[in-house]
Structures are given as C-alpha cells and as structure tokens.
Amino acid sequence: MTEERTPTEGADRGQQQQQVQIPVDMSNLEAIYANFFRVTGTPEELVLDFGLNTQQMTPTGPEPVKVSHRLVLSFYTAKRLLGALQWAVNRYENNFGVLETDFQKRVRGGALRQ
C-alpha cells in the first residue's frame, strides 16, 4: 500500500519543512465500513464514534445505529486529521465534482438528471 503525503501546516504558511518518514506496521490492521459518526469530547480530547446506519424501520420505530468503533484523539491530532481530510476531499472534488452532503438536494438533483 502506498502512503500519500499531505501538505504540512508549515508548508501551508509558505515555509519549507523536512518531512520525516515514520515506519508504519499494518500487520494487524482491521478495516471497517462506517456511514455514521458522532463527535463528542472533553476539554482535553475529541471522541469520534463510528457505526453502521441501516435505516431499517421496525414496528417500534427506527432501528438503532450500531456503533462499533471509538477513536479518542487529542485536539492537536484532531486538527492534523482535519487538515488531511480537507486535503483528500478537495482532491476528490477537483477530480470528480462537488460532493453534496444534503441528502434532499442529492435526491432532487438525481431526479432532475434522469
């Protein structure tokens, strides 16, 4: 697997920084799929919960989302993650077009195109 590099915070400010190659052991990596997340936290940490939302309606109401993984980050790490995610989404949108996150707009837009 190749690892892609994102611009460092210093490079964003026009400064050149030397990037250090950090070895990564992925031998115990377990991939999951999540289409649901929840963000909570404390003054010291950010807590991200991930799960699968099947949106199945039962006679007693909507089925609960099954949260399967929790990621706890310092706010410093969260800010670096935010930058990396912004970079990745911007690159995707530049290649494939803007991602509409409002479900209602996607449904209306898809209906108009058909």
PDB file of N, CA and C in Angstrom:
ATOM      1  N   MET A   1       0.848  -1.174   0.000  1.00  0.00           N
ATOM      2  CA  MET A   1       0.000   0.000   0.000  1.00  0.00           C
ATOM      3  C   MET A   1       0.888   1.228   0.000  1.00  0.00           C
ATOM      4  N   THR A   2       0.604   2.189  -0.839  1.00  0.00           N
ATOM      5  CA  THR A   2       1.387   3.419  -0.862  1.00  0.00           C
ATOM      6  C   THR A   2       0.768   4.429   0.073  1.00  0.00           C
ATOM      7  N   GLU A   3       1.623   5.233   0.627  1.00  0.00           N
ATOM      8  CA  GLU A   3       1.159   6.257   1.558  1.00  0.00           C
ATOM      9  C   GLU A   3       1.297   7.611   0.886  1.00  0.00           C
ATOM     10  N   GLU A   4       0.233   8.395   0.876  1.00  0.00           N
ATOM     11  CA  GLU A   4       0.276   9.712   0.255  1.00  0.00           C
ATOM     12  C   GLU A   4       0.575  10.752   1.309  1.00  0.00           C
ATOM     13  N   ARG A   5       1.264  11.756   0.927  1.00  0.00           N
ATOM     14  CA  ARG A   5       1.648  12.834   1.834  1.00  0.00           C
ATOM     15  C   ARG A   5       0.722  14.025   1.659  1.00  0.00           C
ATOM     16  N   THR A   6       0.377  14.643   2.777  1.00  0.00           N
ATOM     17  CA  THR A   6      -0.419  15.859   2.731  1.00  0.00           C
ATOM     18  C   THR A   6       0.490  17.033   3.034  1.00  0.00           C
ATOM     19  N   PRO A   7       0.102  18.229   2.617  1.00  0.00           N
ATOM     20  CA  PRO A   7       0.920  19.397   2.938  1.00  0.00           C
ATOM     21  C   PRO A   7       0.996  19.569   4.449  1.00  0.00           C
ATOM     22  N   THR A   8       2.175  19.896   4.948  1.00  0.00           N
ATOM     23  CA  THR A   8       2.311  20.128   6.383  1.00  0.00           C
ATOM     24  C   THR A   8       1.814  21.510   6.714  1.00  0.00           C
ATOM     25  N   GLU A   9       1.520  21.725   7.981  1.00  0.00           N
ATOM     26  CA  GLU A   9       0.992  23.019   8.406  1.00  0.00           C
ATOM     27  C   GLU A   9       1.985  24.132   8.083  1.00  0.00           C
ATOM     28  N   GLY A  10       3.273  23.877   8.282  1.00  0.00           N
ATOM     29  CA  GLY A  10       4.287  24.881   7.981  1.00  0.00           C
ATOM     30  C   GLY A  10       4.356  25.187   6.503  1.00  0.00           C
ATOM     31  N   ALA A  11       4.193  24.177   5.656  1.00  0.00           N
ATOM     32  CA  ALA A  11       4.230  24.391   4.210  1.00  0.00           C
ATOM     33  C   ALA A  11       3.061  25.264   3.774  1.00  0.00           C
ATOM     34  N   ASP A  12       1.924  25.143   4.459  1.00  0.00           N
ATOM     35  CA  ASP A  12       0.774  25.987   4.151  1.00  0.00           C
ATOM     36  C   ASP A  12       1.105  27.461   4.376  1.00  0.00           C
ATOM     37  N   ARG A  13       1.999  27.737   5.292  1.00  0.00           N
ATOM     38  CA  ARG A  13       2.383  29.115   5.582  1.00  0.00           C
ATOM     39  C   ARG A  13       3.562  29.570   4.720  1.00  0.00           C
ATOM     40  N   GLY A  14       3.915  28.767   3.728  1.00  0.00           N
ATOM     41  CA  GLY A  14       4.975  29.159   2.821  1.00  0.00           C
ATOM     42  C   GLY A  14       6.359  28.757   3.299  1.00  0.00           C
ATOM     43  N   GLN A  15       6.446  28.027   4.388  1.00  0.00           N
ATOM     44  CA  GLN A  15       7.735  27.600   4.905  1.00  0.00           C
ATOM     45  C   GLN A  15       8.016  26.181   4.435  1.00  0.00           C
ATOM     46  N   GLN A  16       9.274  25.897   4.164  1.00  0.00           N
ATOM     47  CA  GLN A  16       9.664  24.543   3.795  1.00  0.00           C
ATOM     48  C   GLN A  16      10.013  23.786   5.067  1.00  0.00           C
ATOM     49  N   GLN A  17       9.431  22.607   5.241  1.00  0.00           N
ATOM     50  CA  GLN A  17       9.763  21.755   6.367  1.00  0.00           C
ATOM     51  C   GLN A  17      10.188  20.403   5.834  1.00  0.00           C
ATOM     52  N   GLN A  18      11.152  19.810   6.506  1.00  0.00           N
ATOM     53  CA  GLN A  18      11.591  18.476   6.109  1.00  0.00           C
ATOM     54  C   GLN A  18      10.611  17.468   6.686  1.00  0.00           C
ATOM     55  N   GLN A  19      10.116  16.556   5.834  1.00  0.00           N
ATOM     56  CA  GLN A  19       9.188  15.535   6.300  1.00  0.00           C
ATOM     57  C   GLN A  19       9.973  14.314   6.763  1.00  0.00           C
ATOM     58  N   VAL A  20       9.574  13.775   7.889  1.00  0.00           N
ATOM     59  CA  VAL A  20      10.216  12.599   8.447  1.00  0.00           C
ATOM     60  C   VAL A  20       9.375  11.387   8.079  1.00  0.00           C
ATOM     61  N   GLN A  21      10.017  10.368   7.549  1.00  0.00           N
ATOM     62  CA  GLN A  21       9.320   9.128   7.196  1.00  0.00           C
ATOM     63  C   GLN A  21       9.177   8.294   8.471  1.00  0.00           C
ATOM     64  N   ILE A  22       7.942   8.055   8.887  1.00  0.00           N
ATOM     65  CA  ILE A  22       7.680   7.267  10.090  1.00  0.00           C
ATOM     66  C   ILE A  22       7.244   5.883   9.649  1.00  0.00           C
ATOM     67  N   PRO A  23       7.945   4.831  10.105  1.00  0.00           N
ATOM     68  CA  PRO A  23       7.537   3.478   9.716  1.00  0.00           C
ATOM     69  C   PRO A  23       6.167   3.133  10.312  1.00  0.00           C
ATOM     70  N   VAL A  24       5.360   2.417   9.538  1.00  0.00           N
ATOM     71  CA  VAL A  24       4.014   2.040   9.969  1.00  0.00           C
ATOM     72  C   VAL A  24       3.870   0.530   9.837  1.00  0.00           C
ATOM     73  N   ASP A  25       3.472  -0.131  10.933  1.00  0.00           N
ATOM     74  CA  ASP A  25       3.227  -1.580  10.926  1.00  0.00           C
ATOM     75  C   ASP A  25       1.734  -1.799  10.745  1.00  0.00           C
ATOM     76  N   MET A  26       1.322  -2.316   9.591  1.00  0.00           N
ATOM     77  CA  MET A  26      -0.085  -2.532   9.297  1.00  0.00           C
ATOM     78  C   MET A  26      -0.461  -4.011   9.350  1.00  0.00           C
ATOM     79  N   SER A  27       0.338  -4.828  10.024  1.00  0.00           N
ATOM     80  CA  SER A  27       0.089  -6.269  10.032  1.00  0.00           C
ATOM     81  C   SER A  27      -1.180  -6.645  10.794  1.00  0.00           C
ATOM     82  N   ASN A  28      -1.616  -5.830  11.736  1.00  0.00           N
ATOM     83  CA  ASN A  28      -2.841  -6.126  12.498  1.00  0.00           C
ATOM     84  C   ASN A  28      -3.994  -5.209  12.119  1.00  0.00           C
ATOM     85  N   LEU A  29      -3.913  -4.596  10.956  1.00  0.00           N
ATOM     86  CA  LEU A  29      -4.937  -3.655  10.514  1.00  0.00           C
ATOM     87  C   LEU A  29      -6.266  -4.365  10.286  1.00  0.00           C
ATOM     88  N   GLU A  30      -7.334  -3.776  10.794  1.00  0.00           N
ATOM     89  CA  GLU A  30      -8.689  -4.280  10.580  1.00  0.00           C
ATOM     90  C   GLU A  30      -9.522  -3.150   9.986  1.00  0.00           C
ATOM     91  N   ALA A  31     -10.013  -3.344   8.784  1.00  0.00           N
ATOM     92  CA  ALA A  31     -10.811  -2.314   8.117  1.00  0.00           C
ATOM     93  C   ALA A  31     -12.276  -2.466   8.481  1.00  0.00           C
ATOM     94  N   ILE A  32     -12.956  -1.339   8.645  1.00  0.00           N
ATOM     95  CA  ILE A  32     -14.398  -1.335   8.898  1.00  0.00           C
ATOM     96  C   ILE A  32     -15.043  -0.355   7.932  1.00  0.00           C
ATOM     97  N   TYR A  33     -16.334  -0.510   7.732  1.00  0.00           N
ATOM     98  CA  TYR A  33     -17.107   0.447   6.956  1.00  0.00           C
ATOM     99  C   TYR A  33     -18.013   1.187   7.932  1.00  0.00           C
ATOM    100  N   ALA A  34     -18.094   2.498   7.814  1.00  0.00           N
ATOM    101  CA  ALA A  34     -18.976   3.297   8.654  1.00  0.00           C
ATOM    102  C   ALA A  34     -19.678   4.326   7.789  1.00  0.00           C
ATOM    103  N   ASN A  35     -20.987   4.454   7.997  1.00  0.00           N
ATOM    104  CA  ASN A  35     -21.734   5.509   7.327  1.00  0.00           C
ATOM    105  C   ASN A  35     -22.421   6.403   8.363  1.00  0.00           C
ATOM    106  N   PHE A  36     -21.986   6.270   9.607  1.00  0.00           N
ATOM    107  CA  PHE A  36     -22.496   7.071  10.714  1.00  0.00           C
ATOM    108  C   PHE A  36     -21.320   7.464  11.592  1.00  0.00           C
ATOM    109  N   PHE A  37     -21.326   8.690  12.079  1.00  0.00           N
ATOM    110  CA  PHE A  37     -20.341   9.099  13.072  1.00  0.00           C
ATOM    111  C   PHE A  37     -20.986  10.055  14.055  1.00  0.00           C
ATOM    112  N   ARG A  38     -20.393  10.133  15.224  1.00  0.00           N
ATOM    113  CA  ARG A  38     -20.843  11.067  16.258  1.00  0.00           C
ATOM    114  C   ARG A  38     -19.594  11.665  16.886  1.00  0.00           C
ATOM    115  N   VAL A  39     -19.606  12.967  17.109  1.00  0.00           N
ATOM    116  CA  VAL A  39     -18.461  13.651  17.688  1.00  0.00           C
ATOM    117  C   VAL A  39     -18.843  14.173  19.067  1.00  0.00           C
ATOM    118  N   THR A  40     -18.104  13.776  20.065  1.00  0.00           N
ATOM    119  CA  THR A  40     -18.268  14.288  21.421  1.00  0.00           C
ATOM    120  C   THR A  40     -16.870  14.529  21.972  1.00  0.00           C
ATOM    121  N   GLY A  41     -16.776  14.874  23.224  1.00  0.00           N
ATOM    122  CA  GLY A  41     -15.447  15.043  23.779  1.00  0.00           C
ATOM    123  C   GLY A  41     -15.433  15.725  25.115  1.00  0.00           C
ATOM    124  N   THR A  42     -14.226  16.001  25.529  1.00  0.00           N
ATOM    125  CA  THR A  42     -13.945  16.699  26.774  1.00  0.00           C
ATOM    126  C   THR A  42     -13.063  17.894  26.425  1.00  0.00           C
ATOM    127  N   PRO A  43     -12.743  18.735  27.386  1.00  0.00           N
ATOM    128  CA  PRO A  43     -11.828  19.837  27.068  1.00  0.00           C
ATOM    129  C   PRO A  43     -10.439  19.367  26.600  1.00  0.00           C
ATOM    130  N   GLU A  44     -10.060  18.130  26.921  1.00  0.00           N
ATOM    131  CA  GLU A  44      -8.731  17.629  26.549  1.00  0.00           C
ATOM    132  C   GLU A  44      -8.728  16.711  25.345  1.00  0.00           C
ATOM    133  N   GLU A  45      -9.877  16.074  25.027  1.00  0.00           N
ATOM    134  CA  GLU A  45      -9.892  15.048  23.992  1.00  0.00           C
ATOM    135  C   GLU A  45     -11.140  15.156  23.127  1.00  0.00           C
ATOM    136  N   LEU A  46     -10.999  14.684  21.908  1.00  0.00           N
ATOM    137  CA  LEU A  46     -12.108  14.589  20.979  1.00  0.00           C
ATOM    138  C   LEU A  46     -12.445  13.109  20.830  1.00  0.00           C
ATOM    139  N   VAL A  47     -13.728  12.766  20.918  1.00  0.00           N
ATOM    140  CA  VAL A  47     -14.166  11.379  20.827  1.00  0.00           C
ATOM    141  C   VAL A  47     -15.010  11.218  19.566  1.00  0.00           C
ATOM    142  N   LEU A  48     -14.591  10.304  18.690  1.00  0.00           N
ATOM    143  CA  LEU A  48     -15.314  10.014  17.462  1.00  0.00           C
ATOM    144  C   LEU A  48     -15.850   8.595  17.544  1.00  0.00           C
ATOM    145  N   ASP A  49     -17.173   8.441  17.438  1.00  0.00           N
ATOM    146  CA  ASP A  49     -17.806   7.125  17.398  1.00  0.00           C
ATOM    147  C   ASP A  49     -18.212   6.842  15.960  1.00  0.00           C
ATOM    148  N   PHE A  50     -17.989   5.606  15.508  1.00  0.00           N
ATOM    149  CA  PHE A  50     -18.319   5.197  14.147  1.00  0.00           C
ATOM    150  C   PHE A  50     -19.240   3.994  14.186  1.00  0.00           C
ATOM    151  N   GLY A  51     -20.166   3.925  13.234  1.00  0.00           N
ATOM    152  CA  GLY A  51     -21.080   2.803  13.192  1.00  0.00           C
ATOM    153  C   GLY A  51     -21.736   2.653  11.841  1.00  0.00           C
ATOM    154  N   LEU A  52     -22.677   1.716  11.808  1.00  0.00           N
ATOM    155  CA  LEU A  52     -23.401   1.406  10.580  1.00  0.00           C
ATOM    156  C   LEU A  52     -24.865   1.752  10.776  1.00  0.00           C
ATOM    157  N   ASN A  53     -25.386   2.649   9.952  1.00  0.00           N
ATOM    158  CA  ASN A  53     -26.782   3.050   9.988  1.00  0.00           C
ATOM    159  C   ASN A  53     -27.495   2.324   8.850  1.00  0.00           C
ATOM    160  N   THR A  54     -28.324   1.332   9.200  1.00  0.00           N
ATOM    161  CA  THR A  54     -29.040   0.566   8.178  1.00  0.00           C
ATOM    162  C   THR A  54     -30.375   1.203   7.820  1.00  0.00           C
ATOM    163  N   GLN A  55     -30.858   2.161   8.601  1.00  0.00           N
ATOM    164  CA  GLN A  55     -32.110   2.889   8.381  1.00  0.00           C
ATOM    165  C   GLN A  55     -33.297   1.957   8.149  1.00  0.00           C
ATOM    166  N   GLN A  56     -33.340   0.877   8.876  1.00  0.00           N
ATOM    167  CA  GLN A  56     -34.469  -0.051   8.798  1.00  0.00           C
ATOM    168  C   GLN A  56     -35.542   0.387   9.791  1.00  0.00           C
ATOM    169  N   MET A  57     -36.759   0.495   9.319  1.00  0.00           N
ATOM    170  CA  MET A  57     -37.879   0.856  10.197  1.00  0.00           C
ATOM    171  C   MET A  57     -38.504  -0.424  10.731  1.00  0.00           C
ATOM    172  N   THR A  58     -38.719  -0.470  12.028  1.00  0.00           N
ATOM    173  CA  THR A  58     -39.394  -1.597  12.664  1.00  0.00           C
ATOM    174  C   THR A  58     -40.721  -1.098  13.213  1.00  0.00           C
ATOM    175  N   PRO A  59     -41.623  -2.013  13.608  1.00  0.00           N
ATOM    176  CA  PRO A  59     -42.910  -1.558  14.159  1.00  0.00           C
ATOM    177  C   PRO A  59     -42.753  -0.645  15.376  1.00  0.00           C
ATOM    178  N   THR A  60     -41.638  -0.763  16.082  1.00  0.00           N
ATOM    179  CA  THR A  60     -41.434   0.065  17.272  1.00  0.00           C
ATOM    180  C   THR A  60     -40.626   1.327  16.986  1.00  0.00           C
ATOM    181  N   GLY A  61     -40.311   1.592  15.727  1.00  0.00           N
ATOM    182  CA  GLY A  61     -39.554   2.794  15.378  1.00  0.00           C
ATOM    183  C   GLY A  61     -38.273   2.448  14.635  1.00  0.00           C
ATOM    184  N   PRO A  62     -37.424   3.446  14.426  1.00  0.00           N
ATOM    185  CA  PRO A  62     -36.192   3.193  13.674  1.00  0.00           C
ATOM    186  C   PRO A  62     -35.247   2.264  14.439  1.00  0.00           C
ATOM    187  N   GLU A  63     -34.531   1.470  13.681  1.00  0.00           N
ATOM    188  CA  GLU A  63     -33.534   0.568  14.268  1.00  0.00           C
ATOM    189  C   GLU A  63     -32.360   1.400  14.765  1.00  0.00           C
ATOM    190  N   PRO A  64     -31.832   1.087  15.952  1.00  0.00           N
ATOM    191  CA  PRO A  64     -30.713   1.893  16.457  1.00  0.00           C
ATOM    192  C   PRO A  64     -29.450   1.686  15.608  1.00  0.00           C
ATOM    193  N   VAL A  65     -28.656   2.733  15.526  1.00  0.00           N
ATOM    194  CA  VAL A  65     -27.374   2.642  14.826  1.00  0.00           C
ATOM    195  C   VAL A  65     -26.428   1.818  15.688  1.00  0.00           C
ATOM    196  N   LYS A  66     -25.748   0.867  15.057  1.00  0.00           N
ATOM    197  CA  LYS A  66     -24.806   0.015  15.783  1.00  0.00           C
ATOM    198  C   LYS A  66     -23.422   0.660  15.734  1.00  0.00           C
ATOM    199  N   VAL A  67     -23.032   1.290  16.841  1.00  0.00           N
ATOM    200  CA  VAL A  67     -21.719   1.918  16.937  1.00  0.00           C
ATOM    201  C   VAL A  67     -20.709   0.814  17.240  1.00  0.00           C
ATOM    202  N   SER A  68     -19.670   0.721  16.399  1.00  0.00           N
ATOM    203  CA  SER A  68     -18.726  -0.391  16.532  1.00  0.00           C
ATOM    204  C   SER A  68     -17.316   0.033  16.923  1.00  0.00           C
ATOM    205  N   HIS A  69     -16.953   1.290  16.678  1.00  0.00           N
ATOM    206  CA  HIS A  69     -15.598   1.725  16.971  1.00  0.00           C
ATOM    207  C   HIS A  69     -15.593   3.133  17.539  1.00  0.00           C
ATOM    208  N   ARG A  70     -14.664   3.366  18.436  1.00  0.00           N
ATOM    209  CA  ARG A  70     -14.483   4.688  19.032  1.00  0.00           C
ATOM    210  C   ARG A  70     -13.023   5.080  18.877  1.00  0.00           C
ATOM    211  N   LEU A  71     -12.807   6.311  18.437  1.00  0.00           N
ATOM    212  CA  LEU A  71     -11.469   6.853  18.285  1.00  0.00           C
ATOM    213  C   LEU A  71     -11.361   8.068  19.194  1.00  0.00           C
ATOM    214  N   VAL A  72     -10.368   8.073  20.082  1.00  0.00           N
ATOM    215  CA  VAL A  72     -10.157   9.178  21.005  1.00  0.00           C
ATOM    216  C   VAL A  72      -8.854   9.872  20.600  1.00  0.00           C
ATOM    217  N   LEU A  73      -8.943  11.182  20.337  1.00  0.00           N
ATOM    218  CA  LEU A  73      -7.801  11.945  19.844  1.00  0.00           C
ATOM    219  C   LEU A  73      -7.556  13.167  20.715  1.00  0.00           C
ATOM    220  N   SER A  74      -6.302  13.589  20.774  1.00  0.00           N
ATOM    221  CA  SER A  74      -6.029  14.905  21.338  1.00  0.00           C
ATOM    222  C   SER A  74      -6.504  15.934  20.310  1.00  0.00           C
ATOM    223  N   PHE A  75      -6.720  17.150  20.735  1.00  0.00           N
ATOM    224  CA  PHE A  75      -7.159  18.165  19.790  1.00  0.00           C
ATOM    225  C   PHE A  75      -6.056  18.509  18.786  1.00  0.00           C
ATOM    226  N   TYR A  76      -4.797  18.322  19.148  1.00  0.00           N
ATOM    227  CA  TYR A  76      -3.700  18.543  18.207  1.00  0.00           C
ATOM    228  C   TYR A  76      -3.764  17.522  17.072  1.00  0.00           C
ATOM    229  N   THR A  77      -3.974  16.255  17.430  1.00  0.00           N
ATOM    230  CA  THR A  77      -4.087  15.202  16.420  1.00  0.00           C
ATOM    231  C   THR A  77      -5.351  15.412  15.593  1.00  0.00           C
ATOM    232  N   ALA A  78      -6.442  15.819  16.243  1.00  0.00           N
ATOM    233  CA  ALA A  78      -7.700  16.062  15.524  1.00  0.00           C
ATOM    234  C   ALA A  78      -7.524  17.170  14.491  1.00  0.00           C
ATOM    235  N   LYS A  79      -6.768  18.210  14.825  1.00  0.00           N
ATOM    236  CA  LYS A  79      -6.561  19.299  13.876  1.00  0.00           C
ATOM    237  C   LYS A  79      -5.728  18.830  12.687  1.00  0.00           C
ATOM    238  N   ARG A  80      -4.732  17.983  12.934  1.00  0.00           N
ATOM    239  CA  ARG A  80      -3.947  17.435  11.824  1.00  0.00           C
ATOM    240  C   ARG A  80      -4.816  16.523  10.964  1.00  0.00           C
ATOM    241  N   LEU A  81      -5.690  15.738  11.584  1.00  0.00           N
ATOM    242  CA  LEU A  81      -6.611  14.880  10.841  1.00  0.00           C
ATOM    243  C   LEU A  81      -7.564  15.737  10.003  1.00  0.00           C
ATOM    244  N   LEU A  82      -8.083  16.806  10.567  1.00  0.00           N
ATOM    245  CA  LEU A  82      -8.965  17.718   9.836  1.00  0.00           C
ATOM    246  C   LEU A  82      -8.278  18.236   8.580  1.00  0.00           C
ATOM    247  N   GLY A  83      -7.051  18.658   8.704  1.00  0.00           N
ATOM    248  CA  GLY A  83      -6.312  19.146   7.547  1.00  0.00           C
ATOM    249  C   GLY A  83      -6.123  18.078   6.490  1.00  0.00           C
ATOM    250  N   ALA A  84      -5.794  16.864   6.914  1.00  0.00           N
ATOM    251  CA  ALA A  84      -5.594  15.766   5.965  1.00  0.00           C
ATOM    252  C   ALA A  84      -6.899  15.391   5.277  1.00  0.00           C
ATOM    253  N   LEU A  85      -8.017  15.388   6.003  1.00  0.00           N
ATOM    254  CA  LEU A  85      -9.316  15.078   5.405  1.00  0.00           C
ATOM    255  C   LEU A  85      -9.745  16.180   4.438  1.00  0.00           C
ATOM    256  N   GLN A  86      -9.510  17.439   4.797  1.00  0.00           N
ATOM    257  CA  GLN A  86      -9.846  18.541   3.884  1.00  0.00           C
ATOM    258  C   GLN A  86      -9.050  18.420   2.592  1.00  0.00           C
ATOM    259  N   TRP A  87      -7.778  18.100   2.701  1.00  0.00           N
ATOM    260  CA  TRP A  87      -6.926  17.940   1.523  1.00  0.00           C
ATOM    261  C   TRP A  87      -7.445  16.810   0.641  1.00  0.00           C
ATOM    262  N   ALA A  88      -7.800  15.653   1.263  1.00  0.00           N
ATOM    263  CA  ALA A  88      -8.267  14.491   0.497  1.00  0.00           C
ATOM    264  C   ALA A  88      -9.606  14.767  -0.188  1.00  0.00           C
ATOM    265  N   VAL A  89     -10.538  15.404   0.514  1.00  0.00           N
ATOM    266  CA  VAL A  89     -11.851  15.700  -0.076  1.00  0.00           C
ATOM    267  C   VAL A  89     -11.708  16.738  -1.196  1.00  0.00           C
ATOM    268  N   ASN A  90     -10.883  17.749  -0.988  1.00  0.00           N
ATOM    269  CA  ASN A  90     -10.660  18.741  -2.046  1.00  0.00           C
ATOM    270  C   ASN A  90     -10.085  18.080  -3.293  1.00  0.00           C
ATOM    271  N   ARG A  91      -9.145  17.184  -3.118  1.00  0.00           N
ATOM    272  CA  ARG A  91      -8.554  16.486  -4.266  1.00  0.00           C
ATOM    273  C   ARG A  91      -9.605  15.647  -4.987  1.00  0.00           C
ATOM    274  N   TYR A  92     -10.459  14.960  -4.218  1.00  0.00           N
ATOM    275  CA  TYR A  92     -11.537  14.164  -4.811  1.00  0.00           C
ATOM    276  C   TYR A  92     -12.482  15.061  -5.617  1.00  0.00           C
ATOM    277  N   GLU A  93     -12.924  16.174  -5.003  1.00  0.00           N
ATOM    278  CA  GLU A  93     -13.859  17.071  -5.673  1.00  0.00           C
ATOM    279  C   GLU A  93     -13.250  17.713  -6.922  1.00  0.00           C
ATOM    280  N   ASN A  94     -11.967  17.997  -6.893  1.00  0.00           N
ATOM    281  CA  ASN A  94     -11.309  18.539  -8.086  1.00  0.00           C
ATOM    282  C   ASN A  94     -11.310  17.527  -9.223  1.00  0.00           C
ATOM    283  N   ASN A  95     -11.244  16.243  -8.902  1.00  0.00           N
ATOM    284  CA  ASN A  95     -11.232  15.194  -9.926  1.00  0.00           C
ATOM    285  C   ASN A  95     -12.629  14.768 -10.369  1.00  0.00           C
ATOM    286  N   PHE A  96     -13.589  14.740  -9.448  1.00  0.00           N
ATOM    287  CA  PHE A  96     -14.884  14.129  -9.740  1.00  0.00           C
ATOM    288  C   PHE A  96     -16.082  15.042  -9.545  1.00  0.00           C
ATOM    289  N   GLY A  97     -15.894  16.240  -9.065  1.00  0.00           N
ATOM    290  CA  GLY A  97     -17.009  17.151  -8.846  1.00  0.00           C
ATOM    291  C   GLY A  97     -17.355  17.284  -7.375  1.00  0.00           C
ATOM    292  N   VAL A  98     -18.145  18.288  -7.082  1.00  0.00           N
ATOM    293  CA  VAL A  98     -18.505  18.617  -5.701  1.00  0.00           C
ATOM    294  C   VAL A  98     -19.382  17.525  -5.107  1.00  0.00           C
ATOM    295  N   LEU A  99     -19.095  17.176  -3.870  1.00  0.00           N
ATOM    296  CA  LEU A  99     -19.899  16.201  -3.127  1.00  0.00           C
ATOM    297  C   LEU A  99     -21.007  16.952  -2.389  1.00  0.00           C
ATOM    298  N   GLU A 100     -22.252  16.596  -2.648  1.00  0.00           N
ATOM    299  CA  GLU A 100     -23.386  17.224  -1.963  1.00  0.00           C
ATOM    300  C   GLU A 100     -23.703  16.393  -0.725  1.00  0.00           C
ATOM    301  N   THR A 101     -23.586  16.982   0.465  1.00  0.00           N
ATOM    302  CA  THR A 101     -23.835  16.240   1.699  1.00  0.00           C
ATOM    303  C   THR A 101     -25.290  16.298   2.149  1.00  0.00           C
ATOM    304  N   ASP A 102     -26.085  17.195   1.579  1.00  0.00           N
ATOM    305  CA  ASP A 102     -27.507  17.280   1.914  1.00  0.00           C
ATOM    306  C   ASP A 102     -28.257  16.227   1.102  1.00  0.00           C
ATOM    307  N   PHE A 103     -28.786  15.222   1.780  1.00  0.00           N
ATOM    308  CA  PHE A 103     -29.474  14.110   1.117  1.00  0.00           C
ATOM    309  C   PHE A 103     -30.628  14.593   0.241  1.00  0.00           C
ATOM    310  N   GLN A 104     -31.410  15.553   0.741  1.00  0.00           N
ATOM    311  CA  GLN A 104     -32.565  16.042  -0.019  1.00  0.00           C
ATOM    312  C   GLN A 104     -32.138  16.683  -1.342  1.00  0.00           C
ATOM    313  N   LYS A 105     -31.055  17.427  -1.335  1.00  0.00           N
ATOM    314  CA  LYS A 105     -30.558  18.039  -2.568  1.00  0.00           C
ATOM    315  C   LYS A 105     -30.058  16.980  -3.536  1.00  0.00           C
ATOM    316  N   ARG A 106     -29.418  15.908  -3.007  1.00  0.00           N
ATOM    317  CA  ARG A 106     -28.941  14.826  -3.888  1.00  0.00           C
ATOM    318  C   ARG A 106     -30.106  14.113  -4.533  1.00  0.00           C
ATOM    319  N   VAL A 107     -31.188  13.878  -3.781  1.00  0.00           N
ATOM    320  CA  VAL A 107     -32.356  13.188  -4.322  1.00  0.00           C
ATOM    321  C   VAL A 107     -33.007  14.048  -5.386  1.00  0.00           C
ATOM    322  N   ARG A 108     -33.215  15.324  -5.089  1.00  0.00           N
ATOM    323  CA  ARG A 108     -33.817  16.244  -6.064  1.00  0.00           C
ATOM    324  C   ARG A 108     -32.923  16.380  -7.290  1.00  0.00           C
ATOM    325  N   GLY A 109     -31.622  16.504  -7.073  1.00  0.00           N
ATOM    326  CA  GLY A 109     -30.692  16.635  -8.196  1.00  0.00           C
ATOM    327  C   GLY A 109     -30.664  15.409  -9.056  1.00  0.00           C
ATOM    328  N   GLY A 110     -30.710  14.219  -8.446  1.00  0.00           N
ATOM    329  CA  GLY A 110     -30.722  12.961  -9.199  1.00  0.00           C
ATOM    330  C   GLY A 110     -32.005  12.794  -9.973  1.00  0.00           C
ATOM    331  N   ALA A 111     -33.127  13.231  -9.398  1.00  0.00           N
ATOM    332  CA  ALA A 111     -34.414  13.119 -10.084  1.00  0.00           C
ATOM    333  C   ALA A 111     -34.461  14.034 -11.299  1.00  0.00           C
ATOM    334  N   LEU A 112     -33.818  15.193 -11.204  1.00  0.00           N
ATOM    335  CA  LEU A 112     -33.805  16.125 -12.319  1.00  0.00           C
ATOM    336  C   LEU A 112     -32.950  15.617 -13.472  1.00  0.00           C
ATOM    337  N   ARG A 113     -31.869  14.870 -13.135  1.00  0.00           N
ATOM    338  CA  ARG A 113     -30.957  14.394 -14.176  1.00  0.00           C
ATOM    339  C   ARG A 113     -31.519  13.231 -14.958  1.00  0.00           C
ATOM    340  N   GLN A 114     -32.469  12.503 -14.373  1.00  0.00           N
ATOM    341  CA  GLN A 114     -32.976  11.299 -15.039  1.00  0.00           C
ATOM    342  C   GLN A 114     -34.012  11.606 -16.068  1.00  0.00           C
TER     343      GLN A 114
END
